[in-house]
Amino acid sequence: MVSVYDLVEMNDNLVNEFIYWAKERHSIHLKREAGKPKPWTKDPILQRYFFTNPYRENDKTTVWFRETVRDPIAAKPQVFFSTVCFRWFNYIPTGQVLHDLQLLYAWDCELAIAKLNDILRSGRKVFTGAFTISPSGSTKPKIQRVCEDYIQPVWDDLSSIVGQLYKADTLKRAWQVVSSLPGMAGGGFMAYEVVSDLRYTEFLRNAEDINLWANPGPGAKRGLNRLMMREIKSPINQPLWEDQTQELLKIVNKRLPKNMPRFEMREIEHSLCEFDKYLRARTKSGRMKRKYDGV
């Protein structure tokens, strides 16, 4: 049965604005990295509000994790555990502590809890504010819950999980494996973050669906609905999402400047979420959570 939403065409003007956002946000990244002074853009919205990079690999937390942890062991099975462990905290100072203590490579739950509680007692952060970790009915303190209930089971069953991942030759199948791990359910957001890292390791470097599949979050769905001129909260099933985002990916890669890396489906999904925020700010149709001093 064809849905009324299937009959709506992509708005080309909005697609061009989506590409403009990606180009301008990437340009800000390049200027900042080159040490050029502010303002890095004339766009008042990008000057005032915080937007993440269209390329997840350029995110500063991912850069640290890639250079310090992921790339040095990308060809080894242990990269899976290191990725899961780090992404539960997703905070560079915490990651550095875990790395220095070798806890990202040889887990010691008791030591990890003790060290992380020391950090907390000193008034410093342990977790990023970007991810929401559901309590799942547990009354344990957050550090103890993450270490004992979410990380320890992965360490205990590591050989079996790694074996399943070796058989998962696509991002989607790997995401299904990771989504079954403790704490990784609930829309699969955390599992998708892990799989997005594994895409650059021996597990998924040659995945067949890097340009075909992504796990869409609510913001990405809103962004796609905007491009399709639908009601923002219109439901999008997975087949419709895949059909329309694959078409968008083809258009974007044809129109991106040659000096910009080609998008994969991860960049489409992520940028749709940020573009939804951008249009929300431009049309003053919603509250923006994070300000940015780009002037």
C-alpha atoms as a PDB file:
ATOM      1  CA  MET A   1       0.000   0.000   0.000  1.00  0.00           C
ATOM      2  CA  VAL A   2       1.401   3.393  -1.023  1.00  0.00           C
ATOM      3  CA  SER A   3       1.352   6.053   1.678  1.00  0.00           C
ATOM      4  CA  VAL A   4       0.400   9.630   0.914  1.00  0.00           C
ATOM      5  CA  TYR A   5       3.896  10.505   2.136  1.00  0.00           C
ATOM      6  CA  ASP A   6       5.443   8.476  -0.690  1.00  0.00           C
ATOM      7  CA  LEU A   7       3.949  10.841  -3.242  1.00  0.00           C
ATOM      8  CA  VAL A   8       5.679  13.999  -2.011  1.00  0.00           C
ATOM      9  CA  GLU A   9       8.749  15.114  -3.966  1.00  0.00           C
ATOM     10  CA  MET A  10      11.969  16.429  -2.474  1.00  0.00           C
ATOM     11  CA  ASN A  11      12.123  20.221  -2.468  1.00  0.00           C
ATOM     12  CA  ASP A  12      15.159  21.214  -4.516  1.00  0.00           C
ATOM     13  CA  ASN A  13      15.528  24.625  -2.888  1.00  0.00           C
ATOM     14  CA  LEU A  14      15.664  23.002   0.531  1.00  0.00           C
ATOM     15  CA  VAL A  15      18.106  20.384  -0.741  1.00  0.00           C
ATOM     16  CA  ASN A  16      20.373  23.199  -1.895  1.00  0.00           C
ATOM     17  CA  GLU A  17      20.039  24.822   1.531  1.00  0.00           C
ATOM     18  CA  PHE A  18      20.909  21.483   3.139  1.00  0.00           C
ATOM     19  CA  ILE A  19      24.059  21.325   0.986  1.00  0.00           C
ATOM     20  CA  TYR A  20      24.822  24.960   1.794  1.00  0.00           C
ATOM     21  CA  TRP A  21      24.652  24.138   5.515  1.00  0.00           C
ATOM     22  CA  ALA A  22      27.071  21.206   5.068  1.00  0.00           C
ATOM     23  CA  LYS A  23      29.513  23.295   3.018  1.00  0.00           C
ATOM     24  CA  GLU A  24      29.427  26.272   5.362  1.00  0.00           C
ATOM     25  CA  ARG A  25      29.752  24.187   8.525  1.00  0.00           C
ATOM     26  CA  HIS A  26      32.690  22.284   7.018  1.00  0.00           C
ATOM     27  CA  SER A  27      34.283  25.590   5.973  1.00  0.00           C
ATOM     28  CA  ILE A  28      34.057  26.775   9.595  1.00  0.00           C
ATOM     29  CA  HIS A  29      35.885  23.625  10.663  1.00  0.00           C
ATOM     30  CA  LEU A  30      38.685  24.173   8.129  1.00  0.00           C
ATOM     31  CA  LYS A  31      39.156  27.843   9.038  1.00  0.00           C
ATOM     32  CA  ARG A  32      39.235  27.087  12.745  1.00  0.00           C
ATOM     33  CA  GLU A  33      41.705  24.230  12.242  1.00  0.00           C
ATOM     34  CA  ALA A  34      43.919  26.550  10.192  1.00  0.00           C
ATOM     35  CA  GLY A  35      44.019  29.016  13.102  1.00  0.00           C
ATOM     36  CA  LYS A  36      42.174  31.794  11.279  1.00  0.00           C
ATOM     37  CA  PRO A  37      40.470  34.442  13.437  1.00  0.00           C
ATOM     38  CA  LYS A  38      36.727  34.705  13.967  1.00  0.00           C
ATOM     39  CA  PRO A  39      34.267  35.135  12.432  1.00  0.00           C
ATOM     40  CA  TRP A  40      34.621  31.935  10.420  1.00  0.00           C
ATOM     41  CA  THR A  41      31.322  32.517   8.647  1.00  0.00           C
ATOM     42  CA  LYS A  42      28.973  35.350   7.769  1.00  0.00           C
ATOM     43  CA  ASP A  43      25.968  33.152   8.504  1.00  0.00           C
ATOM     44  CA  PRO A  44      24.381  34.639  11.678  1.00  0.00           C
ATOM     45  CA  ILE A  45      22.804  31.323  12.692  1.00  0.00           C
ATOM     46  CA  LEU A  46      26.083  29.406  12.447  1.00  0.00           C
ATOM     47  CA  GLN A  47      27.788  32.233  14.325  1.00  0.00           C
ATOM     48  CA  ARG A  48      25.305  32.147  17.184  1.00  0.00           C
ATOM     49  CA  TYR A  49      24.314  28.496  17.676  1.00  0.00           C
ATOM     50  CA  PHE A  50      26.236  25.258  18.116  1.00  0.00           C
ATOM     51  CA  PHE A  51      26.104  22.703  15.286  1.00  0.00           C
ATOM     52  CA  THR A  52      28.222  19.583  15.079  1.00  0.00           C
ATOM     53  CA  ASN A  53      30.411  18.911  12.052  1.00  0.00           C
ATOM     54  CA  PRO A  54      28.698  17.202   9.084  1.00  0.00           C
ATOM     55  CA  TYR A  55      31.513  14.636   9.190  1.00  0.00           C
ATOM     56  CA  ARG A  56      31.450  12.659  12.420  1.00  0.00           C
ATOM     57  CA  GLU A  57      35.151  11.840  11.931  1.00  0.00           C
ATOM     58  CA  ASN A  58      35.946  15.551  12.409  1.00  0.00           C
ATOM     59  CA  ASP A  59      34.188  15.752  15.771  1.00  0.00           C
ATOM     60  CA  LYS A  60      36.878  16.507  18.358  1.00  0.00           C
ATOM     61  CA  THR A  61      35.870  13.597  20.622  1.00  0.00           C
ATOM     62  CA  THR A  62      35.978  11.179  17.701  1.00  0.00           C
ATOM     63  CA  VAL A  63      39.322  12.624  16.567  1.00  0.00           C
ATOM     64  CA  TRP A  64      40.805  11.958  20.005  1.00  0.00           C
ATOM     65  CA  PHE A  65      39.381   8.443  20.134  1.00  0.00           C
ATOM     66  CA  ARG A  66      40.500   7.690  16.569  1.00  0.00           C
ATOM     67  CA  GLU A  67      44.062   8.894  17.045  1.00  0.00           C
ATOM     68  CA  THR A  68      44.620   7.655  20.597  1.00  0.00           C
ATOM     69  CA  VAL A  69      42.687   4.382  20.659  1.00  0.00           C
ATOM     70  CA  ARG A  70      40.871   3.240  17.548  1.00  0.00           C
ATOM     71  CA  ASP A  71      43.424   3.537  14.749  1.00  0.00           C
ATOM     72  CA  PRO A  72      46.345   1.977  16.640  1.00  0.00           C
ATOM     73  CA  ILE A  73      44.309  -1.204  17.219  1.00  0.00           C
ATOM     74  CA  ALA A  74      41.899  -1.002  14.256  1.00  0.00           C
ATOM     75  CA  ALA A  75      43.121  -4.334  12.900  1.00  0.00           C
ATOM     76  CA  LYS A  76      42.699  -6.134  16.228  1.00  0.00           C
ATOM     77  CA  PRO A  77      39.529  -7.665  17.712  1.00  0.00           C
ATOM     78  CA  GLN A  78      40.038  -5.766  20.971  1.00  0.00           C
ATOM     79  CA  VAL A  79      39.030  -2.528  19.202  1.00  0.00           C
ATOM     80  CA  PHE A  80      35.416  -3.557  19.712  1.00  0.00           C
ATOM     81  CA  PHE A  81      35.627  -3.559  23.505  1.00  0.00           C
ATOM     82  CA  SER A  82      37.641  -0.344  23.553  1.00  0.00           C
ATOM     83  CA  THR A  83      34.963   1.331  21.445  1.00  0.00           C
ATOM     84  CA  VAL A  84      32.052   0.171  23.605  1.00  0.00           C
ATOM     85  CA  CYS A  85      33.858   1.135  26.791  1.00  0.00           C
ATOM     86  CA  PHE A  86      34.814   4.620  25.641  1.00  0.00           C
ATOM     87  CA  ARG A  87      31.479   5.505  24.048  1.00  0.00           C
ATOM     88  CA  TRP A  88      29.601   4.891  27.289  1.00  0.00           C
ATOM     89  CA  PHE A  89      31.433   7.936  28.664  1.00  0.00           C
ATOM     90  CA  ASN A  90      32.199   9.734  25.392  1.00  0.00           C
ATOM     91  CA  TYR A  91      34.294  12.319  27.221  1.00  0.00           C
ATOM     92  CA  ILE A  92      37.956  12.870  26.379  1.00  0.00           C
ATOM     93  CA  PRO A  93      39.305  13.401  29.938  1.00  0.00           C
ATOM     94  CA  THR A  94      37.586  10.201  31.085  1.00  0.00           C
ATOM     95  CA  GLY A  95      38.829   8.385  28.015  1.00  0.00           C
ATOM     96  CA  GLN A  96      42.370   9.519  28.754  1.00  0.00           C
ATOM     97  CA  VAL A  97      42.162   8.133  32.287  1.00  0.00           C
ATOM     98  CA  LEU A  98      40.804   4.803  31.046  1.00  0.00           C
ATOM     99  CA  HIS A  99      43.479   4.708  28.337  1.00  0.00           C
ATOM    100  CA  ASP A 100      46.325   5.509  30.742  1.00  0.00           C
ATOM    101  CA  LEU A 101      45.154   2.797  33.137  1.00  0.00           C
ATOM    102  CA  GLN A 102      44.789   0.347  30.212  1.00  0.00           C
ATOM    103  CA  LEU A 103      41.139  -0.149  31.169  1.00  0.00           C
ATOM    104  CA  LEU A 104      40.057   0.305  27.564  1.00  0.00           C
ATOM    105  CA  TYR A 105      42.078  -2.811  26.721  1.00  0.00           C
ATOM    106  CA  ALA A 106      42.064  -4.942  29.898  1.00  0.00           C
ATOM    107  CA  TRP A 107      38.961  -4.215  31.924  1.00  0.00           C
ATOM    108  CA  ASP A 108      39.025  -4.140  35.713  1.00  0.00           C
ATOM    109  CA  CYS A 109      35.571  -3.141  36.909  1.00  0.00           C
ATOM    110  CA  GLU A 110      36.527  -2.461  40.527  1.00  0.00           C
ATOM    111  CA  LEU A 111      39.470  -0.269  39.551  1.00  0.00           C
ATOM    112  CA  ALA A 112      37.396   1.613  36.987  1.00  0.00           C
ATOM    113  CA  ILE A 113      34.629   2.399  39.494  1.00  0.00           C
ATOM    114  CA  ALA A 114      37.147   3.561  42.098  1.00  0.00           C
ATOM    115  CA  LYS A 115      39.028   5.858  39.710  1.00  0.00           C
ATOM    116  CA  LEU A 116      35.878   7.307  38.146  1.00  0.00           C
ATOM    117  CA  ASN A 117      34.356   7.997  41.554  1.00  0.00           C
ATOM    118  CA  ASP A 118      37.586   9.783  42.521  1.00  0.00           C
ATOM    119  CA  ILE A 119      37.085  12.026  39.490  1.00  0.00           C
ATOM    120  CA  LEU A 120      33.464  12.683  40.426  1.00  0.00           C
ATOM    121  CA  ARG A 121      34.331  13.512  44.031  1.00  0.00           C
ATOM    122  CA  SER A 122      36.900  16.031  42.828  1.00  0.00           C
ATOM    123  CA  GLY A 123      34.102  17.945  41.098  1.00  0.00           C
ATOM    124  CA  ARG A 124      35.037  16.944  37.569  1.00  0.00           C
ATOM    125  CA  LYS A 125      32.792  15.434  34.891  1.00  0.00           C
ATOM    126  CA  VAL A 126      32.860  11.727  34.036  1.00  0.00           C
ATOM    127  CA  PHE A 127      30.236  11.551  31.285  1.00  0.00           C
ATOM    128  CA  THR A 128      29.478  13.760  28.315  1.00  0.00           C
ATOM    129  CA  GLY A 129      26.297  15.778  28.413  1.00  0.00           C
ATOM    130  CA  ALA A 130      25.486  14.802  24.824  1.00  0.00           C
ATOM    131  CA  PHE A 131      24.214  11.280  25.531  1.00  0.00           C
ATOM    132  CA  THR A 132      21.328  10.355  27.801  1.00  0.00           C
ATOM    133  CA  ILE A 133      21.856   7.054  29.606  1.00  0.00           C
ATOM    134  CA  SER A 134      18.592   5.500  30.685  1.00  0.00           C
ATOM    135  CA  PRO A 135      18.477   4.207  34.266  1.00  0.00           C
ATOM    136  CA  SER A 136      16.473   1.161  33.068  1.00  0.00           C
ATOM    137  CA  GLY A 137      14.903   0.794  36.505  1.00  0.00           C
ATOM    138  CA  SER A 138      18.262   0.468  38.253  1.00  0.00           C
ATOM    139  CA  THR A 139      18.881   2.251  41.544  1.00  0.00           C
ATOM    140  CA  LYS A 140      22.665   2.025  41.214  1.00  0.00           C
ATOM    141  CA  PRO A 141      24.701   5.222  40.877  1.00  0.00           C
ATOM    142  CA  LYS A 142      25.412   5.995  37.217  1.00  0.00           C
ATOM    143  CA  ILE A 143      29.118   5.088  37.273  1.00  0.00           C
ATOM    144  CA  GLN A 144      28.486   1.776  38.998  1.00  0.00           C
ATOM    145  CA  ARG A 145      25.565   0.939  36.707  1.00  0.00           C
ATOM    146  CA  VAL A 146      27.487   1.641  33.499  1.00  0.00           C
ATOM    147  CA  CYS A 147      30.588  -0.232  34.654  1.00  0.00           C
ATOM    148  CA  GLU A 148      28.867  -3.247  36.235  1.00  0.00           C
ATOM    149  CA  ASP A 149      25.706  -3.631  34.153  1.00  0.00           C
ATOM    150  CA  TYR A 150      26.766  -2.415  30.712  1.00  0.00           C
ATOM    151  CA  ILE A 151      30.533  -2.765  30.294  1.00  0.00           C
ATOM    152  CA  GLN A 152      31.326  -5.809  32.446  1.00  0.00           C
ATOM    153  CA  PRO A 153      28.915  -8.160  30.562  1.00  0.00           C
ATOM    154  CA  VAL A 154      30.559  -7.204  27.264  1.00  0.00           C
ATOM    155  CA  TRP A 155      33.989  -7.977  28.708  1.00  0.00           C
ATOM    156  CA  ASP A 156      32.742 -11.308  30.097  1.00  0.00           C
ATOM    157  CA  ASP A 157      31.220 -12.377  26.762  1.00  0.00           C
ATOM    158  CA  LEU A 158      33.719 -10.658  24.482  1.00  0.00           C
ATOM    159  CA  SER A 159      34.780 -13.694  22.471  1.00  0.00           C
ATOM    160  CA  SER A 160      31.210 -14.611  21.572  1.00  0.00           C
ATOM    161  CA  ILE A 161      30.242 -11.052  20.632  1.00  0.00           C
ATOM    162  CA  VAL A 162      33.335 -10.590  18.482  1.00  0.00           C
ATOM    163  CA  GLY A 163      32.524 -13.848  16.716  1.00  0.00           C
ATOM    164  CA  GLN A 164      29.062 -12.538  15.869  1.00  0.00           C
ATOM    165  CA  LEU A 165      30.505  -9.268  14.586  1.00  0.00           C
ATOM    166  CA  TYR A 166      32.914 -11.053  12.257  1.00  0.00           C
ATOM    167  CA  LYS A 167      29.874 -12.656  10.611  1.00  0.00           C
ATOM    168  CA  ALA A 168      28.061  -9.324  10.326  1.00  0.00           C
ATOM    169  CA  ASP A 169      29.324  -7.970   7.003  1.00  0.00           C
ATOM    170  CA  THR A 170      27.045  -4.923   6.992  1.00  0.00           C
ATOM    171  CA  LEU A 171      26.526  -1.948   9.281  1.00  0.00           C
ATOM    172  CA  LYS A 172      22.921  -2.950   9.795  1.00  0.00           C
ATOM    173  CA  ARG A 173      23.740  -6.505  10.902  1.00  0.00           C
ATOM    174  CA  ALA A 174      26.488  -5.243  13.205  1.00  0.00           C
ATOM    175  CA  TRP A 175      24.063  -2.694  14.656  1.00  0.00           C
ATOM    176  CA  GLN A 176      21.600  -5.516  15.378  1.00  0.00           C
ATOM    177  CA  VAL A 177      24.325  -7.426  17.225  1.00  0.00           C
ATOM    178  CA  VAL A 178      25.408  -4.404  19.263  1.00  0.00           C
ATOM    179  CA  SER A 179      21.793  -3.398  19.958  1.00  0.00           C
ATOM    180  CA  SER A 180      21.292  -6.675  21.797  1.00  0.00           C
ATOM    181  CA  LEU A 181      23.966  -5.798  24.378  1.00  0.00           C
ATOM    182  CA  PRO A 182      23.027  -4.499  27.851  1.00  0.00           C
ATOM    183  CA  GLY A 183      21.936  -0.868  27.792  1.00  0.00           C
ATOM    184  CA  MET A 184      22.142  -0.612  24.006  1.00  0.00           C
ATOM    185  CA  ALA A 185      18.438  -0.889  23.209  1.00  0.00           C
ATOM    186  CA  GLY A 186      15.979   2.005  23.233  1.00  0.00           C
ATOM    187  CA  GLY A 187      16.168   3.052  19.595  1.00  0.00           C
ATOM    188  CA  GLY A 188      19.685   1.812  19.050  1.00  0.00           C
ATOM    189  CA  PHE A 189      21.359   5.221  19.381  1.00  0.00           C
ATOM    190  CA  MET A 190      24.328   4.010  21.425  1.00  0.00           C
ATOM    191  CA  ALA A 191      24.684   0.916  19.245  1.00  0.00           C
ATOM    192  CA  TYR A 192      24.784   3.153  16.174  1.00  0.00           C
ATOM    193  CA  GLU A 193      27.581   5.241  17.673  1.00  0.00           C
ATOM    194  CA  VAL A 194      29.627   2.091  18.263  1.00  0.00           C
ATOM    195  CA  VAL A 195      28.956   0.773  14.761  1.00  0.00           C
ATOM    196  CA  SER A 196      29.912   4.156  13.278  1.00  0.00           C
ATOM    197  CA  ASP A 197      33.348   3.719  14.861  1.00  0.00           C
ATOM    198  CA  LEU A 198      33.651   0.082  13.829  1.00  0.00           C
ATOM    199  CA  ARG A 199      33.057   1.131  10.215  1.00  0.00           C
ATOM    200  CA  TYR A 200      36.736   2.201  10.198  1.00  0.00           C
ATOM    201  CA  THR A 201      38.084  -1.034  11.697  1.00  0.00           C
ATOM    202  CA  GLU A 202      38.636  -4.566  10.510  1.00  0.00           C
ATOM    203  CA  PHE A 203      35.041  -5.417  11.397  1.00  0.00           C
ATOM    204  CA  LEU A 204      33.227  -3.094   8.986  1.00  0.00           C
ATOM    205  CA  ARG A 205      35.845  -1.394   6.841  1.00  0.00           C
ATOM    206  CA  ASN A 206      34.409  -3.162   3.793  1.00  0.00           C
ATOM    207  CA  ALA A 207      30.745  -3.079   4.820  1.00  0.00           C
ATOM    208  CA  GLU A 208      28.436  -3.297   1.832  1.00  0.00           C
ATOM    209  CA  ASP A 209      25.892  -0.778   3.074  1.00  0.00           C
ATOM    210  CA  ILE A 210      27.855   2.352   4.002  1.00  0.00           C
ATOM    211  CA  ASN A 211      25.908   4.221   1.296  1.00  0.00           C
ATOM    212  CA  LEU A 212      22.640   2.385   1.863  1.00  0.00           C
ATOM    213  CA  TRP A 213      21.798   2.236   5.564  1.00  0.00           C
ATOM    214  CA  ALA A 214      21.684   4.430   8.653  1.00  0.00           C
ATOM    215  CA  ASN A 215      19.779   4.260  11.909  1.00  0.00           C
ATOM    216  CA  PRO A 216      17.686   7.447  11.864  1.00  0.00           C
ATOM    217  CA  GLY A 217      17.133   9.409  15.020  1.00  0.00           C
ATOM    218  CA  PRO A 218      14.133  11.707  15.590  1.00  0.00           C
ATOM    219  CA  GLY A 219      16.035  14.802  14.454  1.00  0.00           C
ATOM    220  CA  ALA A 220      17.101  13.165  11.190  1.00  0.00           C
ATOM    221  CA  LYS A 221      13.516  12.152  10.475  1.00  0.00           C
ATOM    222  CA  ARG A 222      12.359  15.706  11.095  1.00  0.00           C
ATOM    223  CA  GLY A 223      15.070  16.975   8.750  1.00  0.00           C
ATOM    224  CA  LEU A 224      14.004  14.584   6.001  1.00  0.00           C
ATOM    225  CA  ASN A 225      10.365  15.565   6.441  1.00  0.00           C
ATOM    226  CA  ARG A 226      11.374  19.194   5.962  1.00  0.00           C
ATOM    227  CA  LEU A 227      13.147  18.374   2.695  1.00  0.00           C
ATOM    228  CA  MET A 228      10.128  16.417   1.538  1.00  0.00           C
ATOM    229  CA  MET A 229       7.754  19.278   2.477  1.00  0.00           C
ATOM    230  CA  ARG A 230       5.856  17.036   4.865  1.00  0.00           C
ATOM    231  CA  GLU A 231       4.529  17.709   8.317  1.00  0.00           C
ATOM    232  CA  ILE A 232       7.601  17.655  10.564  1.00  0.00           C
ATOM    233  CA  LYS A 233       6.280  14.824  12.730  1.00  0.00           C
ATOM    234  CA  SER A 234       5.030  12.668   9.849  1.00  0.00           C
ATOM    235  CA  PRO A 235       5.896   8.979  10.442  1.00  0.00           C
ATOM    236  CA  ILE A 236       8.697   7.532   8.326  1.00  0.00           C
ATOM    237  CA  ASN A 237       9.091   3.770   8.079  1.00  0.00           C
ATOM    238  CA  GLN A 238      12.495   2.237   7.319  1.00  0.00           C
ATOM    239  CA  PRO A 239      11.836   1.436   3.609  1.00  0.00           C
ATOM    240  CA  LEU A 240      10.690   4.997   2.962  1.00  0.00           C
ATOM    241  CA  TRP A 241      13.633   6.400   4.918  1.00  0.00           C
ATOM    242  CA  GLU A 242      16.109   4.296   2.942  1.00  0.00           C
ATOM    243  CA  ASP A 243      14.554   5.105  -0.436  1.00  0.00           C
ATOM    244  CA  GLN A 244      14.556   8.855   0.123  1.00  0.00           C
ATOM    245  CA  THR A 245      17.901   9.184   1.886  1.00  0.00           C
ATOM    246  CA  GLN A 246      19.642   7.087  -0.758  1.00  0.00           C
ATOM    247  CA  GLU A 247      18.290   9.467  -3.378  1.00  0.00           C
ATOM    248  CA  LEU A 248      19.390  12.440  -1.275  1.00  0.00           C
ATOM    249  CA  LEU A 249      22.881  10.960  -0.930  1.00  0.00           C
ATOM    250  CA  LYS A 250      23.233  10.743  -4.721  1.00  0.00           C
ATOM    251  CA  ILE A 251      22.151  14.355  -5.129  1.00  0.00           C
ATOM    252  CA  VAL A 252      24.419  15.643  -2.379  1.00  0.00           C
ATOM    253  CA  ASN A 253      27.513  13.877  -3.676  1.00  0.00           C
ATOM    254  CA  LYS A 254      26.892  15.296  -7.152  1.00  0.00           C
ATOM    255  CA  ARG A 255      26.624  18.845  -5.812  1.00  0.00           C
ATOM    256  CA  LEU A 256      29.288  18.895  -3.111  1.00  0.00           C
ATOM    257  CA  PRO A 257      32.495  20.726  -4.109  1.00  0.00           C
ATOM    258  CA  LYS A 258      35.291  18.392  -5.185  1.00  0.00           C
ATOM    259  CA  ASN A 259      37.437  19.491  -2.257  1.00  0.00           C
ATOM    260  CA  MET A 260      34.915  18.099   0.238  1.00  0.00           C
ATOM    261  CA  PRO A 261      34.951  14.382   1.164  1.00  0.00           C
ATOM    262  CA  ARG A 262      32.030  12.411  -0.261  1.00  0.00           C
ATOM    263  CA  PHE A 263      29.140  11.781   2.077  1.00  0.00           C
ATOM    264  CA  GLU A 264      28.182   8.309   3.225  1.00  0.00           C
ATOM    265  CA  MET A 265      24.794   7.515   4.702  1.00  0.00           C
ATOM    266  CA  ARG A 266      26.117   8.343   8.176  1.00  0.00           C
ATOM    267  CA  GLU A 267      26.775  11.928   7.056  1.00  0.00           C
ATOM    268  CA  ILE A 268      23.295  12.162   5.546  1.00  0.00           C
ATOM    269  CA  GLU A 269      21.605  10.960   8.734  1.00  0.00           C
ATOM    270  CA  HIS A 270      23.725  13.145  10.996  1.00  0.00           C
ATOM    271  CA  SER A 271      23.465  16.265   8.825  1.00  0.00           C
ATOM    272  CA  LEU A 272      19.693  15.936   8.499  1.00  0.00           C
ATOM    273  CA  CYS A 273      19.484  16.166  12.277  1.00  0.00           C
ATOM    274  CA  GLU A 274      21.661  19.284  12.350  1.00  0.00           C
ATOM    275  CA  PHE A 275      19.798  20.780   9.391  1.00  0.00           C
ATOM    276  CA  ASP A 276      16.539  20.378  11.290  1.00  0.00           C
ATOM    277  CA  LYS A 277      18.099  22.496  14.051  1.00  0.00           C
ATOM    278  CA  TYR A 278      19.350  25.026  11.495  1.00  0.00           C
ATOM    279  CA  LEU A 279      15.897  25.519   9.974  1.00  0.00           C
ATOM    280  CA  ARG A 280      14.364  25.657  13.433  1.00  0.00           C
ATOM    281  CA  ALA A 281      16.686  28.567  14.242  1.00  0.00           C
ATOM    282  CA  ARG A 282      16.165  30.277  10.900  1.00  0.00           C
ATOM    283  CA  THR A 283      12.383  30.104  11.117  1.00  0.00           C
ATOM    284  CA  LYS A 284      12.343  30.748  14.886  1.00  0.00           C
ATOM    285  CA  SER A 285      10.093  27.729  15.282  1.00  0.00           C
ATOM    286  CA  GLY A 286      11.782  26.146  18.277  1.00  0.00           C
ATOM    287  CA  ARG A 287      14.266  26.647  21.090  1.00  0.00           C
ATOM    288  CA  MET A 288      17.978  26.123  20.439  1.00  0.00           C
ATOM    289  CA  LYS A 289      19.704  24.401  23.374  1.00  0.00           C
ATOM    290  CA  ARG A 290      23.330  25.384  22.795  1.00  0.00           C
ATOM    291  CA  LYS A 291      24.717  28.801  21.968  1.00  0.00           C
ATOM    292  CA  TYR A 292      28.023  29.312  20.172  1.00  0.00           C
ATOM    293  CA  ASP A 293      30.379  32.295  20.166  1.00  0.00           C
ATOM    294  CA  GLY A 294      31.374  32.396  16.522  1.00  0.00           C
ATOM    295  CA  VAL A 295      31.583  36.149  16.164  1.00  0.00           C
END
